[in-house]
Amino acid sequence: MHDLRTAVYGRLQRMSLAFFTRTRTGEVQSRIANDIGGMQATVTSTRRPWCRT
């Protein structure tokens, strides 16, 4: 998950100023938190059954 967060942060750093002018700050933060949180939940829930064997 660290690599994903690092990649997202790097991509945000390369976004144009126009993107941040058009997009509300809360929307960007919410999307990042929800999308990465969803990915983490998916990875955790699919990994758990494999760890039991």
N, C-alpha and C. Protein backbone atom coordinates (compact mmCIF):
# COMPACT_ATOMS: atom_id res chain seq x y z
N MET A 1 0.82 -1.18 0.00
CA MET A 1 0.00 0.00 0.00
C MET A 1 0.88 1.26 0.00
N HIS A 2 2.03 1.15 0.60
CA HIS A 2 2.93 2.30 0.63
C HIS A 2 3.31 2.73 -0.79
N ASP A 3 3.60 1.75 -1.65
CA ASP A 3 3.96 2.08 -3.03
C ASP A 3 2.82 2.78 -3.76
N LEU A 4 1.60 2.33 -3.51
CA LEU A 4 0.43 2.96 -4.13
C LEU A 4 0.28 4.40 -3.66
N ARG A 5 0.39 4.61 -2.37
CA ARG A 5 0.28 5.97 -1.83
C ARG A 5 1.39 6.87 -2.38
N THR A 6 2.59 6.34 -2.49
CA THR A 6 3.71 7.11 -3.03
C THR A 6 3.47 7.47 -4.49
N ALA A 7 2.94 6.52 -5.25
CA ALA A 7 2.65 6.77 -6.67
C ALA A 7 1.56 7.83 -6.83
N VAL A 8 0.53 7.75 -6.01
CA VAL A 8 -0.56 8.73 -6.08
C VAL A 8 -0.03 10.11 -5.72
N TYR A 9 0.77 10.19 -4.68
CA TYR A 9 1.34 11.47 -4.27
C TYR A 9 2.21 12.05 -5.39
N GLY A 10 3.02 11.21 -6.00
CA GLY A 10 3.87 11.66 -7.10
C GLY A 10 3.05 12.16 -8.27
N ARG A 11 1.96 11.47 -8.56
CA ARG A 11 1.09 11.90 -9.66
C ARG A 11 0.44 13.25 -9.33
N LEU A 12 0.02 13.42 -8.10
CA LEU A 12 -0.58 14.70 -7.70
C LEU A 12 0.42 15.86 -7.85
N GLN A 13 1.68 15.58 -7.57
CA GLN A 13 2.70 16.61 -7.69
C GLN A 13 2.88 17.06 -9.14
N ARG A 14 2.58 16.17 -10.09
CA ARG A 14 2.74 16.49 -11.51
C ARG A 14 1.48 17.06 -12.15
N MET A 15 0.38 17.10 -11.41
CA MET A 15 -0.86 17.64 -11.96
C MET A 15 -0.72 19.13 -12.20
N SER A 16 -1.43 19.60 -13.19
CA SER A 16 -1.36 21.03 -13.54
C SER A 16 -2.08 21.88 -12.49
N LEU A 17 -1.70 23.13 -12.45
CA LEU A 17 -2.36 24.08 -11.56
C LEU A 17 -3.84 24.21 -11.94
N ALA A 18 -4.14 24.08 -13.23
CA ALA A 18 -5.53 24.17 -13.70
C ALA A 18 -6.40 23.07 -13.07
N PHE A 19 -5.84 21.89 -12.90
CA PHE A 19 -6.59 20.80 -12.26
C PHE A 19 -7.01 21.20 -10.86
N PHE A 20 -6.07 21.75 -10.10
CA PHE A 20 -6.37 22.13 -8.72
C PHE A 20 -7.27 23.36 -8.64
N THR A 21 -7.25 24.18 -9.68
CA THR A 21 -8.15 25.32 -9.73
C THR A 21 -9.59 24.86 -9.98
N ARG A 22 -9.74 23.87 -10.85
CA ARG A 22 -11.07 23.34 -11.19
C ARG A 22 -11.65 22.44 -10.10
N THR A 23 -10.80 21.75 -9.37
CA THR A 23 -11.24 20.71 -8.45
C THR A 23 -11.13 21.20 -7.01
N ARG A 24 -12.19 20.98 -6.24
CA ARG A 24 -12.16 21.39 -4.83
C ARG A 24 -11.18 20.52 -4.05
N THR A 25 -10.50 21.13 -3.10
CA THR A 25 -9.50 20.43 -2.29
C THR A 25 -10.11 19.23 -1.57
N GLY A 26 -11.26 19.41 -0.97
CA GLY A 26 -11.92 18.33 -0.25
C GLY A 26 -12.25 17.16 -1.14
N GLU A 27 -12.58 17.44 -2.39
CA GLU A 27 -12.91 16.37 -3.34
C GLU A 27 -11.68 15.52 -3.64
N VAL A 28 -10.55 16.17 -3.85
CA VAL A 28 -9.30 15.44 -4.12
C VAL A 28 -8.94 14.59 -2.91
N GLN A 29 -8.96 15.17 -1.74
CA GLN A 29 -8.60 14.43 -0.52
C GLN A 29 -9.54 13.26 -0.28
N SER A 30 -10.83 13.49 -0.49
CA SER A 30 -11.82 12.45 -0.27
C SER A 30 -11.63 11.29 -1.24
N ARG A 31 -11.41 11.61 -2.51
CA ARG A 31 -11.20 10.55 -3.51
C ARG A 31 -9.98 9.71 -3.18
N ILE A 32 -8.90 10.37 -2.80
CA ILE A 32 -7.67 9.64 -2.48
C ILE A 32 -7.90 8.73 -1.27
N ALA A 33 -8.46 9.29 -0.22
CA ALA A 33 -8.68 8.50 1.00
C ALA A 33 -9.62 7.33 0.75
N ASN A 34 -10.71 7.57 0.03
CA ASN A 34 -11.68 6.51 -0.22
C ASN A 34 -11.16 5.45 -1.18
N ASP A 35 -10.49 5.88 -2.24
CA ASP A 35 -9.99 4.91 -3.22
C ASP A 35 -8.88 4.04 -2.65
N ILE A 36 -7.93 4.65 -1.97
CA ILE A 36 -6.85 3.86 -1.39
C ILE A 36 -7.36 3.01 -0.23
N GLY A 37 -8.27 3.57 0.56
CA GLY A 37 -8.88 2.78 1.63
C GLY A 37 -9.64 1.58 1.10
N GLY A 38 -10.35 1.76 0.00
CA GLY A 38 -11.06 0.64 -0.63
C GLY A 38 -10.12 -0.41 -1.15
N MET A 39 -9.03 0.02 -1.75
CA MET A 39 -8.02 -0.93 -2.24
C MET A 39 -7.41 -1.71 -1.08
N GLN A 40 -7.12 -1.02 0.01
CA GLN A 40 -6.53 -1.69 1.17
C GLN A 40 -7.51 -2.70 1.76
N ALA A 41 -8.78 -2.34 1.83
CA ALA A 41 -9.79 -3.27 2.35
C ALA A 41 -9.92 -4.49 1.46
N THR A 42 -9.86 -4.29 0.16
CA THR A 42 -9.96 -5.41 -0.78
C THR A 42 -8.77 -6.34 -0.64
N VAL A 43 -7.59 -5.77 -0.59
CA VAL A 43 -6.37 -6.59 -0.45
C VAL A 43 -6.40 -7.35 0.87
N THR A 44 -6.80 -6.68 1.93
CA THR A 44 -6.85 -7.32 3.25
C THR A 44 -7.87 -8.45 3.28
N SER A 45 -9.04 -8.21 2.71
CA SER A 45 -10.10 -9.24 2.76
C SER A 45 -9.80 -10.42 1.86
N THR A 46 -9.10 -10.22 0.74
CA THR A 46 -8.78 -11.35 -0.13
C THR A 46 -7.54 -12.10 0.34
N ARG A 47 -6.67 -11.43 1.08
CA ARG A 47 -5.47 -12.08 1.58
C ARG A 47 -5.76 -12.95 2.80
N ARG A 48 -6.74 -12.57 3.58
CA ARG A 48 -7.05 -13.26 4.84
C ARG A 48 -7.34 -14.76 4.63
N PRO A 49 -8.21 -15.16 3.68
CA PRO A 49 -8.47 -16.59 3.51
C PRO A 49 -7.23 -17.39 3.14
N TRP A 50 -6.31 -16.82 2.39
CA TRP A 50 -5.10 -17.53 1.99
C TRP A 50 -4.18 -17.73 3.16
N CYS A 51 -4.21 -16.87 4.14
CA CYS A 51 -3.31 -16.97 5.29
C CYS A 51 -3.72 -18.09 6.24
N ARG A 52 -4.94 -18.53 6.15
CA ARG A 52 -5.43 -19.56 7.09
C ARG A 52 -4.89 -20.94 6.77
N THR A 53 -4.51 -21.17 5.53
CA THR A 53 -4.05 -22.52 5.15
C THR A 53 -2.59 -22.70 5.34
